[in-house]
Amino acid sequence: MAIIHIRMSPFPSSTKTIFFISTNKSITTTTTTNTTINNKNKTKLLPLLCLSSRNGTECPVPLEQQPINEYQSLSTSFPFSWAAGDVVEFGSRLFVVGFSFALFVGLPVAWFGAVGAQSEPAKKIVGAASSGVLAVTFAVVRMYLGWAYVGNRLLSATVEYEETGWYDGQIWVKTPEVLARDRLLGSFSVKPVLNRLKITLIGLAACLGACALTFSNIDESYLTSRETGVRAIPGAYNDESARSFEPDAFCGEPDLQE
């Protein structure tokens, strides 16, 4: 793998950034001895950041508010790190979260929190599955918002920051070296994660639509009065009980037992 060491010093003798870049072309680098390295891998960018203390005279942005450090923090935090990992691992974690929520939260609420749950088990199961998909959707939306925020700060030419609090917001214009570094990181590391999350959201929306369609197509267990021959829900308030409590309302009508 061809390795190019790029040193960018927006902060003199204080900050150093090293990028390891692999390309599909032959790259010649000049060191103490000239060497030619051939790389056969696909184009890939793996930024490894080596940051030391900053010089406040050059960059007034606090360390925790610098986009490059925000990216580092986001890529290792829960659950945002899931989106930047392996695709299979990312999908399996989302499945476990959705299944656990549907089994331990959605199913008990749907089964015991509604009237007549025993008569419509299919609807309760579909409702529990829908709750699991909805919980995963909220989690993915939260991941997308976090990665989009960091990506926008990396790709932007300016950095908004707060010196001590919300009342003293400032704007710092990035130097050309910092802007080039941040845009490389945003283009090759953040944008693929955002594309993965967009595809995941489309799939989750399709699952929610399928659940809603299945729920609406399940036959109702409660039939209308014309189909059952009664005027109300069976076992709750029918014609016979109404006749005993309100006889005046049924004057002139034949008795049900005749």
C-alpha atoms as a PDB file:
ATOM      1  CA  MET A   1       0.000   0.000   0.000  1.00  0.00           C
ATOM      2  CA  ALA A   2       1.356   3.387  -0.996  1.00  0.00           C
ATOM      3  CA  ILE A   3       1.701   5.674   1.969  1.00  0.00           C
ATOM      4  CA  ILE A   4       1.880   9.432   1.623  1.00  0.00           C
ATOM      5  CA  HIS A   5       2.688  11.419   4.696  1.00  0.00           C
ATOM      6  CA  ILE A   6       1.066  14.832   4.396  1.00  0.00           C
ATOM      7  CA  ARG A   7       1.966  17.295   7.104  1.00  0.00           C
ATOM      8  CA  MET A   8      -0.282  20.312   7.377  1.00  0.00           C
ATOM      9  CA  SER A   9       0.585  22.874  10.010  1.00  0.00           C
ATOM     10  CA  PRO A  10      -2.159  25.448  10.420  1.00  0.00           C
ATOM     11  CA  PHE A  11      -0.886  25.825  13.945  1.00  0.00           C
ATOM     12  CA  PRO A  12       2.906  26.255  13.942  1.00  0.00           C
ATOM     13  CA  SER A  13       4.746  23.476  15.731  1.00  0.00           C
ATOM     14  CA  SER A  14       1.574  22.451  17.537  1.00  0.00           C
ATOM     15  CA  THR A  15      -0.786  20.442  15.339  1.00  0.00           C
ATOM     16  CA  LYS A  16       0.099  17.722  12.893  1.00  0.00           C
ATOM     17  CA  THR A  17      -2.232  15.684  10.675  1.00  0.00           C
ATOM     18  CA  ILE A  18      -1.134  12.566   8.851  1.00  0.00           C
ATOM     19  CA  PHE A  19      -3.199  10.945   6.094  1.00  0.00           C
ATOM     20  CA  PHE A  20      -2.598   7.427   4.867  1.00  0.00           C
ATOM     21  CA  ILE A  21      -3.868   7.330   1.276  1.00  0.00           C
ATOM     22  CA  SER A  22      -3.920   4.267  -0.932  1.00  0.00           C
ATOM     23  CA  THR A  23      -4.514   4.657  -4.657  1.00  0.00           C
ATOM     24  CA  ASN A  24      -4.643   2.406  -7.697  1.00  0.00           C
ATOM     25  CA  LYS A  25      -1.717   4.122  -9.381  1.00  0.00           C
ATOM     26  CA  SER A  26       2.025   4.004  -8.946  1.00  0.00           C
ATOM     27  CA  ILE A  27       3.164   6.773  -6.633  1.00  0.00           C
ATOM     28  CA  THR A  28       6.693   8.086  -6.308  1.00  0.00           C
ATOM     29  CA  THR A  29       7.700   9.694  -3.035  1.00  0.00           C
ATOM     30  CA  THR A  30      10.914  11.538  -2.263  1.00  0.00           C
ATOM     31  CA  THR A  31      12.629  10.622   0.997  1.00  0.00           C
ATOM     32  CA  THR A  32      16.267  10.213   1.893  1.00  0.00           C
ATOM     33  CA  THR A  33      16.337   7.523  -0.784  1.00  0.00           C
ATOM     34  CA  ASN A  34      13.941   7.821  -3.747  1.00  0.00           C
ATOM     35  CA  THR A  35      11.561   4.839  -3.813  1.00  0.00           C
ATOM     36  CA  THR A  36       8.719   3.886  -6.121  1.00  0.00           C
ATOM     37  CA  ILE A  37       5.826   2.017  -4.528  1.00  0.00           C
ATOM     38  CA  ASN A  38       3.130   0.249  -6.585  1.00  0.00           C
ATOM     39  CA  ASN A  39      -0.304  -0.063  -5.056  1.00  0.00           C
ATOM     40  CA  LYS A  40      -2.897  -2.599  -6.302  1.00  0.00           C
ATOM     41  CA  ASN A  41      -5.756  -1.768  -3.935  1.00  0.00           C
ATOM     42  CA  LYS A  42      -8.838   0.283  -4.687  1.00  0.00           C
ATOM     43  CA  THR A  43      -8.906   3.984  -3.983  1.00  0.00           C
ATOM     44  CA  LYS A  44      -9.412   4.389  -0.278  1.00  0.00           C
ATOM     45  CA  LEU A  45      -8.880   7.047   2.290  1.00  0.00           C
ATOM     46  CA  LEU A  46      -8.215   6.174   5.894  1.00  0.00           C
ATOM     47  CA  PRO A  47      -7.402   9.321   7.829  1.00  0.00           C
ATOM     48  CA  LEU A  48      -5.446   8.787  10.989  1.00  0.00           C
ATOM     49  CA  LEU A  49      -5.368  11.914  13.037  1.00  0.00           C
ATOM     50  CA  CYS A  50      -2.418  12.784  15.206  1.00  0.00           C
ATOM     51  CA  LEU A  51      -3.386  15.877  17.158  1.00  0.00           C
ATOM     52  CA  SER A  52      -1.412  17.601  19.841  1.00  0.00           C
ATOM     53  CA  SER A  53      -2.088  20.787  21.758  1.00  0.00           C
ATOM     54  CA  ARG A  54      -3.245  23.713  19.640  1.00  0.00           C
ATOM     55  CA  ASN A  55      -1.937  27.245  19.561  1.00  0.00           C
ATOM     56  CA  GLY A  56      -4.726  29.580  20.604  1.00  0.00           C
ATOM     57  CA  THR A  57      -3.281  32.509  18.583  1.00  0.00           C
ATOM     58  CA  GLU A  58      -3.806  30.640  15.279  1.00  0.00           C
ATOM     59  CA  CYS A  59      -7.059  28.760  15.933  1.00  0.00           C
ATOM     60  CA  PRO A  60      -9.393  30.216  18.554  1.00  0.00           C
ATOM     61  CA  VAL A  61     -11.858  27.282  18.326  1.00  0.00           C
ATOM     62  CA  PRO A  62     -11.826  25.134  21.500  1.00  0.00           C
ATOM     63  CA  LEU A  63     -10.590  21.596  20.993  1.00  0.00           C
ATOM     64  CA  GLU A  64     -13.951  19.959  21.715  1.00  0.00           C
ATOM     65  CA  GLN A  65     -15.656  22.207  19.117  1.00  0.00           C
ATOM     66  CA  GLN A  66     -13.210  21.639  16.283  1.00  0.00           C
ATOM     67  CA  PRO A  67     -14.916  19.613  13.502  1.00  0.00           C
ATOM     68  CA  ILE A  68     -12.096  17.101  13.287  1.00  0.00           C
ATOM     69  CA  ASN A  69     -12.353  16.329  17.007  1.00  0.00           C
ATOM     70  CA  GLU A  70     -16.155  16.224  16.799  1.00  0.00           C
ATOM     71  CA  TYR A  71     -15.785  13.588  14.092  1.00  0.00           C
ATOM     72  CA  GLN A  72     -13.430  11.562  16.260  1.00  0.00           C
ATOM     73  CA  SER A  73     -15.828  11.721  19.191  1.00  0.00           C
ATOM     74  CA  LEU A  74     -18.866  10.826  17.073  1.00  0.00           C
ATOM     75  CA  SER A  75     -17.202   7.871  15.357  1.00  0.00           C
ATOM     76  CA  THR A  76     -16.486   6.224  18.719  1.00  0.00           C
ATOM     77  CA  SER A  77     -19.707   7.074  20.585  1.00  0.00           C
ATOM     78  CA  PHE A  78     -22.848   4.975  21.024  1.00  0.00           C
ATOM     79  CA  PRO A  79     -24.825   4.381  18.830  1.00  0.00           C
ATOM     80  CA  PHE A  80     -23.271   6.559  16.101  1.00  0.00           C
ATOM     81  CA  SER A  81     -20.300   4.231  15.712  1.00  0.00           C
ATOM     82  CA  TRP A  82     -22.648   1.500  14.452  1.00  0.00           C
ATOM     83  CA  ALA A  83     -23.241   3.343  11.174  1.00  0.00           C
ATOM     84  CA  ALA A  84     -19.507   3.592  10.448  1.00  0.00           C
ATOM     85  CA  GLY A  85     -18.833  -0.099  11.069  1.00  0.00           C
ATOM     86  CA  ASP A  86     -19.401  -3.247   9.045  1.00  0.00           C
ATOM     87  CA  VAL A  87     -22.666  -3.444   7.076  1.00  0.00           C
ATOM     88  CA  VAL A  88     -23.623  -6.878   8.414  1.00  0.00           C
ATOM     89  CA  GLU A  89     -22.875  -5.859  11.984  1.00  0.00           C
ATOM     90  CA  PHE A  90     -24.826  -2.636  11.532  1.00  0.00           C
ATOM     91  CA  GLY A  91     -27.883  -4.491  10.217  1.00  0.00           C
ATOM     92  CA  SER A  92     -27.741  -7.181  12.903  1.00  0.00           C
ATOM     93  CA  ARG A  93     -27.604  -4.589  15.687  1.00  0.00           C
ATOM     94  CA  LEU A  94     -30.615  -2.759  14.288  1.00  0.00           C
ATOM     95  CA  PHE A  95     -32.500  -6.056  14.024  1.00  0.00           C
ATOM     96  CA  VAL A  96     -31.699  -6.944  17.642  1.00  0.00           C
ATOM     97  CA  VAL A  97     -32.864  -3.515  18.824  1.00  0.00           C
ATOM     98  CA  GLY A  98     -36.118  -3.708  16.859  1.00  0.00           C
ATOM     99  CA  PHE A  99     -36.871  -7.300  17.862  1.00  0.00           C
ATOM    100  CA  SER A 100     -36.157  -6.624  21.542  1.00  0.00           C
ATOM    101  CA  PHE A 101     -38.362  -3.533  21.582  1.00  0.00           C
ATOM    102  CA  ALA A 102     -41.209  -5.339  19.816  1.00  0.00           C
ATOM    103  CA  LEU A 103     -40.986  -8.382  22.119  1.00  0.00           C
ATOM    104  CA  PHE A 104     -40.553  -6.713  25.503  1.00  0.00           C
ATOM    105  CA  VAL A 105     -42.430  -3.439  24.971  1.00  0.00           C
ATOM    106  CA  GLY A 106     -44.649  -3.489  21.912  1.00  0.00           C
ATOM    107  CA  LEU A 107     -46.184  -6.956  22.343  1.00  0.00           C
ATOM    108  CA  PRO A 108     -47.184  -6.611  26.035  1.00  0.00           C
ATOM    109  CA  VAL A 109     -48.689  -3.177  25.412  1.00  0.00           C
ATOM    110  CA  ALA A 110     -50.607  -4.357  22.348  1.00  0.00           C
ATOM    111  CA  TRP A 111     -51.750  -7.616  23.969  1.00  0.00           C
ATOM    112  CA  PHE A 112     -52.799  -6.434  27.408  1.00  0.00           C
ATOM    113  CA  GLY A 113     -53.420  -2.749  26.796  1.00  0.00           C
ATOM    114  CA  ALA A 114     -56.361  -3.104  24.399  1.00  0.00           C
ATOM    115  CA  VAL A 115     -59.889  -4.437  24.776  1.00  0.00           C
ATOM    116  CA  GLY A 116     -60.556  -7.753  23.075  1.00  0.00           C
ATOM    117  CA  ALA A 117     -56.927  -8.614  22.510  1.00  0.00           C
ATOM    118  CA  GLN A 118     -57.551 -12.338  22.565  1.00  0.00           C
ATOM    119  CA  SER A 119     -60.004 -12.119  19.670  1.00  0.00           C
ATOM    120  CA  GLU A 120     -57.528 -10.431  17.301  1.00  0.00           C
ATOM    121  CA  PRO A 121     -54.035 -11.867  17.932  1.00  0.00           C
ATOM    122  CA  ALA A 122     -52.846 -11.197  14.384  1.00  0.00           C
ATOM    123  CA  LYS A 123     -53.440  -7.478  14.714  1.00  0.00           C
ATOM    124  CA  LYS A 124     -51.619  -7.368  18.038  1.00  0.00           C
ATOM    125  CA  ILE A 125     -48.585  -9.137  16.602  1.00  0.00           C
ATOM    126  CA  VAL A 126     -48.458  -6.806  13.592  1.00  0.00           C
ATOM    127  CA  GLY A 127     -48.808  -3.810  15.901  1.00  0.00           C
ATOM    128  CA  ALA A 128     -45.908  -5.045  18.056  1.00  0.00           C
ATOM    129  CA  ALA A 129     -43.749  -5.536  14.954  1.00  0.00           C
ATOM    130  CA  SER A 130     -44.627  -2.032  13.808  1.00  0.00           C
ATOM    131  CA  SER A 131     -43.505  -0.615  17.144  1.00  0.00           C
ATOM    132  CA  GLY A 132     -40.131  -2.352  16.772  1.00  0.00           C
ATOM    133  CA  VAL A 133     -39.648  -0.935  13.269  1.00  0.00           C
ATOM    134  CA  LEU A 134     -40.642   2.510  14.520  1.00  0.00           C
ATOM    135  CA  ALA A 135     -38.105   2.351  17.361  1.00  0.00           C
ATOM    136  CA  VAL A 136     -35.327   1.439  14.921  1.00  0.00           C
ATOM    137  CA  THR A 137     -36.433   4.279  12.643  1.00  0.00           C
ATOM    138  CA  PHE A 138     -36.067   6.802  15.464  1.00  0.00           C
ATOM    139  CA  ALA A 139     -32.589   5.457  16.252  1.00  0.00           C
ATOM    140  CA  VAL A 140     -31.461   5.694  12.621  1.00  0.00           C
ATOM    141  CA  VAL A 141     -32.874   9.222  12.292  1.00  0.00           C
ATOM    142  CA  ARG A 142     -30.873  10.233  15.375  1.00  0.00           C
ATOM    143  CA  MET A 143     -27.722   8.746  13.842  1.00  0.00           C
ATOM    144  CA  TYR A 144     -28.350  10.552  10.570  1.00  0.00           C
ATOM    145  CA  LEU A 145     -28.806  13.918  12.269  1.00  0.00           C
ATOM    146  CA  GLY A 146     -25.556  13.512  14.221  1.00  0.00           C
ATOM    147  CA  TRP A 147     -23.494  12.495  11.191  1.00  0.00           C
ATOM    148  CA  ALA A 148     -25.069  15.204   9.016  1.00  0.00           C
ATOM    149  CA  TYR A 149     -24.168  17.850  11.601  1.00  0.00           C
ATOM    150  CA  VAL A 150     -20.519  16.790  11.737  1.00  0.00           C
ATOM    151  CA  GLY A 151     -20.360  16.415   7.957  1.00  0.00           C
ATOM    152  CA  ASN A 152     -21.644  19.944   7.418  1.00  0.00           C
ATOM    153  CA  ARG A 153     -19.062  21.356   9.817  1.00  0.00           C
ATOM    154  CA  LEU A 154     -16.273  19.456   8.076  1.00  0.00           C
ATOM    155  CA  LEU A 155     -17.283  20.579   4.594  1.00  0.00           C
ATOM    156  CA  SER A 156     -18.005  24.177   5.566  1.00  0.00           C
ATOM    157  CA  ALA A 157     -15.332  26.850   5.067  1.00  0.00           C
ATOM    158  CA  THR A 158     -16.185  28.431   8.417  1.00  0.00           C
ATOM    159  CA  VAL A 159     -16.577  27.087  11.942  1.00  0.00           C
ATOM    160  CA  GLU A 160     -19.135  28.448  14.378  1.00  0.00           C
ATOM    161  CA  TYR A 161     -18.028  28.088  17.978  1.00  0.00           C
ATOM    162  CA  GLU A 162     -18.654  29.416  21.471  1.00  0.00           C
ATOM    163  CA  GLU A 163     -15.815  30.790  23.550  1.00  0.00           C
ATOM    164  CA  THR A 164     -17.423  30.396  26.974  1.00  0.00           C
ATOM    165  CA  GLY A 165     -21.184  30.079  26.396  1.00  0.00           C
ATOM    166  CA  TRP A 166     -24.095  30.556  24.057  1.00  0.00           C
ATOM    167  CA  TYR A 167     -23.976  34.334  24.426  1.00  0.00           C
ATOM    168  CA  ASP A 168     -20.520  34.799  22.832  1.00  0.00           C
ATOM    169  CA  GLY A 169     -20.763  32.846  19.581  1.00  0.00           C
ATOM    170  CA  GLN A 170     -17.972  33.437  17.079  1.00  0.00           C
ATOM    171  CA  ILE A 171     -17.105  32.384  13.519  1.00  0.00           C
ATOM    172  CA  TRP A 172     -13.640  31.274  12.445  1.00  0.00           C
ATOM    173  CA  VAL A 173     -12.638  31.026   8.786  1.00  0.00           C
ATOM    174  CA  LYS A 174     -10.617  27.878   8.118  1.00  0.00           C
ATOM    175  CA  THR A 175      -7.166  28.135   6.650  1.00  0.00           C
ATOM    176  CA  PRO A 176      -6.667  26.479   3.233  1.00  0.00           C
ATOM    177  CA  GLU A 177      -4.793  23.574   4.801  1.00  0.00           C
ATOM    178  CA  VAL A 178      -7.453  22.914   7.426  1.00  0.00           C
ATOM    179  CA  LEU A 179     -10.238  23.257   4.855  1.00  0.00           C
ATOM    180  CA  ALA A 180      -8.583  20.738   2.521  1.00  0.00           C
ATOM    181  CA  ARG A 181      -8.056  18.283   5.386  1.00  0.00           C
ATOM    182  CA  ASP A 182     -11.634  18.603   6.664  1.00  0.00           C
ATOM    183  CA  ARG A 183     -13.180  18.252   3.220  1.00  0.00           C
ATOM    184  CA  LEU A 184     -11.157  15.116   2.513  1.00  0.00           C
ATOM    185  CA  LEU A 185     -12.388  13.657   5.766  1.00  0.00           C
ATOM    186  CA  GLY A 186     -15.998  14.684   5.106  1.00  0.00           C
ATOM    187  CA  SER A 187     -16.050  13.391   1.531  1.00  0.00           C
ATOM    188  CA  PHE A 188     -14.405  10.024   2.107  1.00  0.00           C
ATOM    189  CA  SER A 189     -15.536   9.165   5.653  1.00  0.00           C
ATOM    190  CA  VAL A 190     -18.794  10.969   6.444  1.00  0.00           C
ATOM    191  CA  LYS A 191     -20.645  10.924   3.119  1.00  0.00           C
ATOM    192  CA  PRO A 192     -20.573   7.082   2.780  1.00  0.00           C
ATOM    193  CA  VAL A 193     -22.070   6.807   6.270  1.00  0.00           C
ATOM    194  CA  LEU A 194     -24.848   9.242   5.374  1.00  0.00           C
ATOM    195  CA  ASN A 195     -25.630   7.283   2.193  1.00  0.00           C
ATOM    196  CA  ARG A 196     -25.887   4.069   4.212  1.00  0.00           C
ATOM    197  CA  LEU A 197     -28.255   5.700   6.689  1.00  0.00           C
ATOM    198  CA  LYS A 198     -30.421   7.092   3.866  1.00  0.00           C
ATOM    199  CA  ILE A 199     -30.788   3.608   2.340  1.00  0.00           C
ATOM    200  CA  THR A 200     -31.617   2.214   5.789  1.00  0.00           C
ATOM    201  CA  LEU A 201     -34.343   4.814   6.298  1.00  0.00           C
ATOM    202  CA  ILE A 202     -35.881   3.976   2.925  1.00  0.00           C
ATOM    203  CA  GLY A 203     -35.965   0.293   3.884  1.00  0.00           C
ATOM    204  CA  LEU A 204     -37.524   1.049   7.258  1.00  0.00           C
ATOM    205  CA  ALA A 205     -40.177   3.225   5.612  1.00  0.00           C
ATOM    206  CA  ALA A 206     -41.030   0.318   3.295  1.00  0.00           C
ATOM    207  CA  CYS A 207     -41.333  -2.000   6.320  1.00  0.00           C
ATOM    208  CA  LEU A 208     -43.672   0.423   8.074  1.00  0.00           C
ATOM    209  CA  GLY A 209     -45.812   0.664   4.948  1.00  0.00           C
ATOM    210  CA  ALA A 210     -45.989  -3.129   4.708  1.00  0.00           C
ATOM    211  CA  CYS A 211     -47.022  -3.387   8.365  1.00  0.00           C
ATOM    212  CA  ALA A 212     -49.733  -0.758   7.902  1.00  0.00           C
ATOM    213  CA  LEU A 213     -51.046  -2.537   4.807  1.00  0.00           C
ATOM    214  CA  THR A 214     -51.082  -5.901   6.596  1.00  0.00           C
ATOM    215  CA  PHE A 215     -52.823  -4.404   9.613  1.00  0.00           C
ATOM    216  CA  SER A 216     -55.566  -2.859   7.484  1.00  0.00           C
ATOM    217  CA  ASN A 217     -56.206  -6.090   5.554  1.00  0.00           C
ATOM    218  CA  ILE A 218     -56.759  -8.265   8.615  1.00  0.00           C
ATOM    219  CA  ASP A 219     -60.452  -9.214   8.879  1.00  0.00           C
ATOM    220  CA  GLU A 220     -62.361  -7.568  11.671  1.00  0.00           C
ATOM    221  CA  SER A 221     -63.597  -9.939  14.374  1.00  0.00           C
ATOM    222  CA  TYR A 222     -66.423  -7.654  15.300  1.00  0.00           C
ATOM    223  CA  LEU A 223     -69.206  -7.885  12.732  1.00  0.00           C
ATOM    224  CA  THR A 224     -71.909  -5.352  12.064  1.00  0.00           C
ATOM    225  CA  SER A 225     -75.447  -5.709  13.324  1.00  0.00           C
ATOM    226  CA  ARG A 226     -76.727  -6.750   9.891  1.00  0.00           C
ATOM    227  CA  GLU A 227     -74.294  -9.657   9.746  1.00  0.00           C
ATOM    228  CA  THR A 228     -74.995 -10.908  13.285  1.00  0.00           C
ATOM    229  CA  GLY A 229     -78.679 -10.002  13.621  1.00  0.00           C
ATOM    230  CA  VAL A 230     -78.073  -7.837  16.705  1.00  0.00           C
ATOM    231  CA  ARG A 231     -77.878  -4.089  17.105  1.00  0.00           C
ATOM    232  CA  ALA A 232     -74.758  -3.839  19.250  1.00  0.00           C
ATOM    233  CA  ILE A 233     -71.525  -5.586  20.139  1.00  0.00           C
ATOM    234  CA  PRO A 234     -72.302  -9.106  21.395  1.00  0.00           C
ATOM    235  CA  GLY A 235     -71.983  -9.491  25.158  1.00  0.00           C
ATOM    236  CA  ALA A 236     -72.019  -5.768  25.838  1.00  0.00           C
ATOM    237  CA  TYR A 237     -75.451  -4.316  24.976  1.00  0.00           C
ATOM    238  CA  ASN A 238     -77.856  -6.155  22.684  1.00  0.00           C
ATOM    239  CA  ASP A 239     -81.555  -5.937  21.882  1.00  0.00           C
ATOM    240  CA  GLU A 240     -82.608  -8.259  24.694  1.00  0.00           C
ATOM    241  CA  SER A 241     -80.864  -6.256  27.407  1.00  0.00           C
ATOM    242  CA  ALA A 242     -82.072  -2.995  25.881  1.00  0.00           C
ATOM    243  CA  ARG A 243     -85.689  -4.257  25.896  1.00  0.00           C
ATOM    244  CA  SER A 244     -85.480  -5.027  29.625  1.00  0.00           C
ATOM    245  CA  PHE A 245     -84.159  -1.573  30.547  1.00  0.00           C
ATOM    246  CA  GLU A 246     -85.978   0.548  27.946  1.00  0.00           C
ATOM    247  CA  PRO A 247     -89.281  -1.131  27.129  1.00  0.00           C
ATOM    248  CA  ASP A 248     -90.861   2.075  25.820  1.00  0.00           C
ATOM    249  CA  ALA A 249     -88.340   2.265  23.019  1.00  0.00           C
ATOM    250  CA  PHE A 250     -89.499  -1.109  21.641  1.00  0.00           C
ATOM    251  CA  CYS A 251     -93.257  -0.488  21.705  1.00  0.00           C
ATOM    252  CA  GLY A 252     -94.963  -2.100  18.741  1.00  0.00           C
ATOM    253  CA  GLU A 253     -92.034  -4.355  17.834  1.00  0.00           C
ATOM    254  CA  PRO A 254     -92.396  -8.156  18.090  1.00  0.00           C
ATOM    255  CA  ASP A 255     -90.756  -9.961  20.957  1.00  0.00           C
ATOM    256  CA  LEU A 256     -87.386 -11.552  20.186  1.00  0.00           C
ATOM    257  CA  GLN A 257     -88.422 -14.845  21.746  1.00  0.00           C
ATOM    258  CA  GLU A 258     -91.579 -15.237  19.594  1.00  0.00           C
END
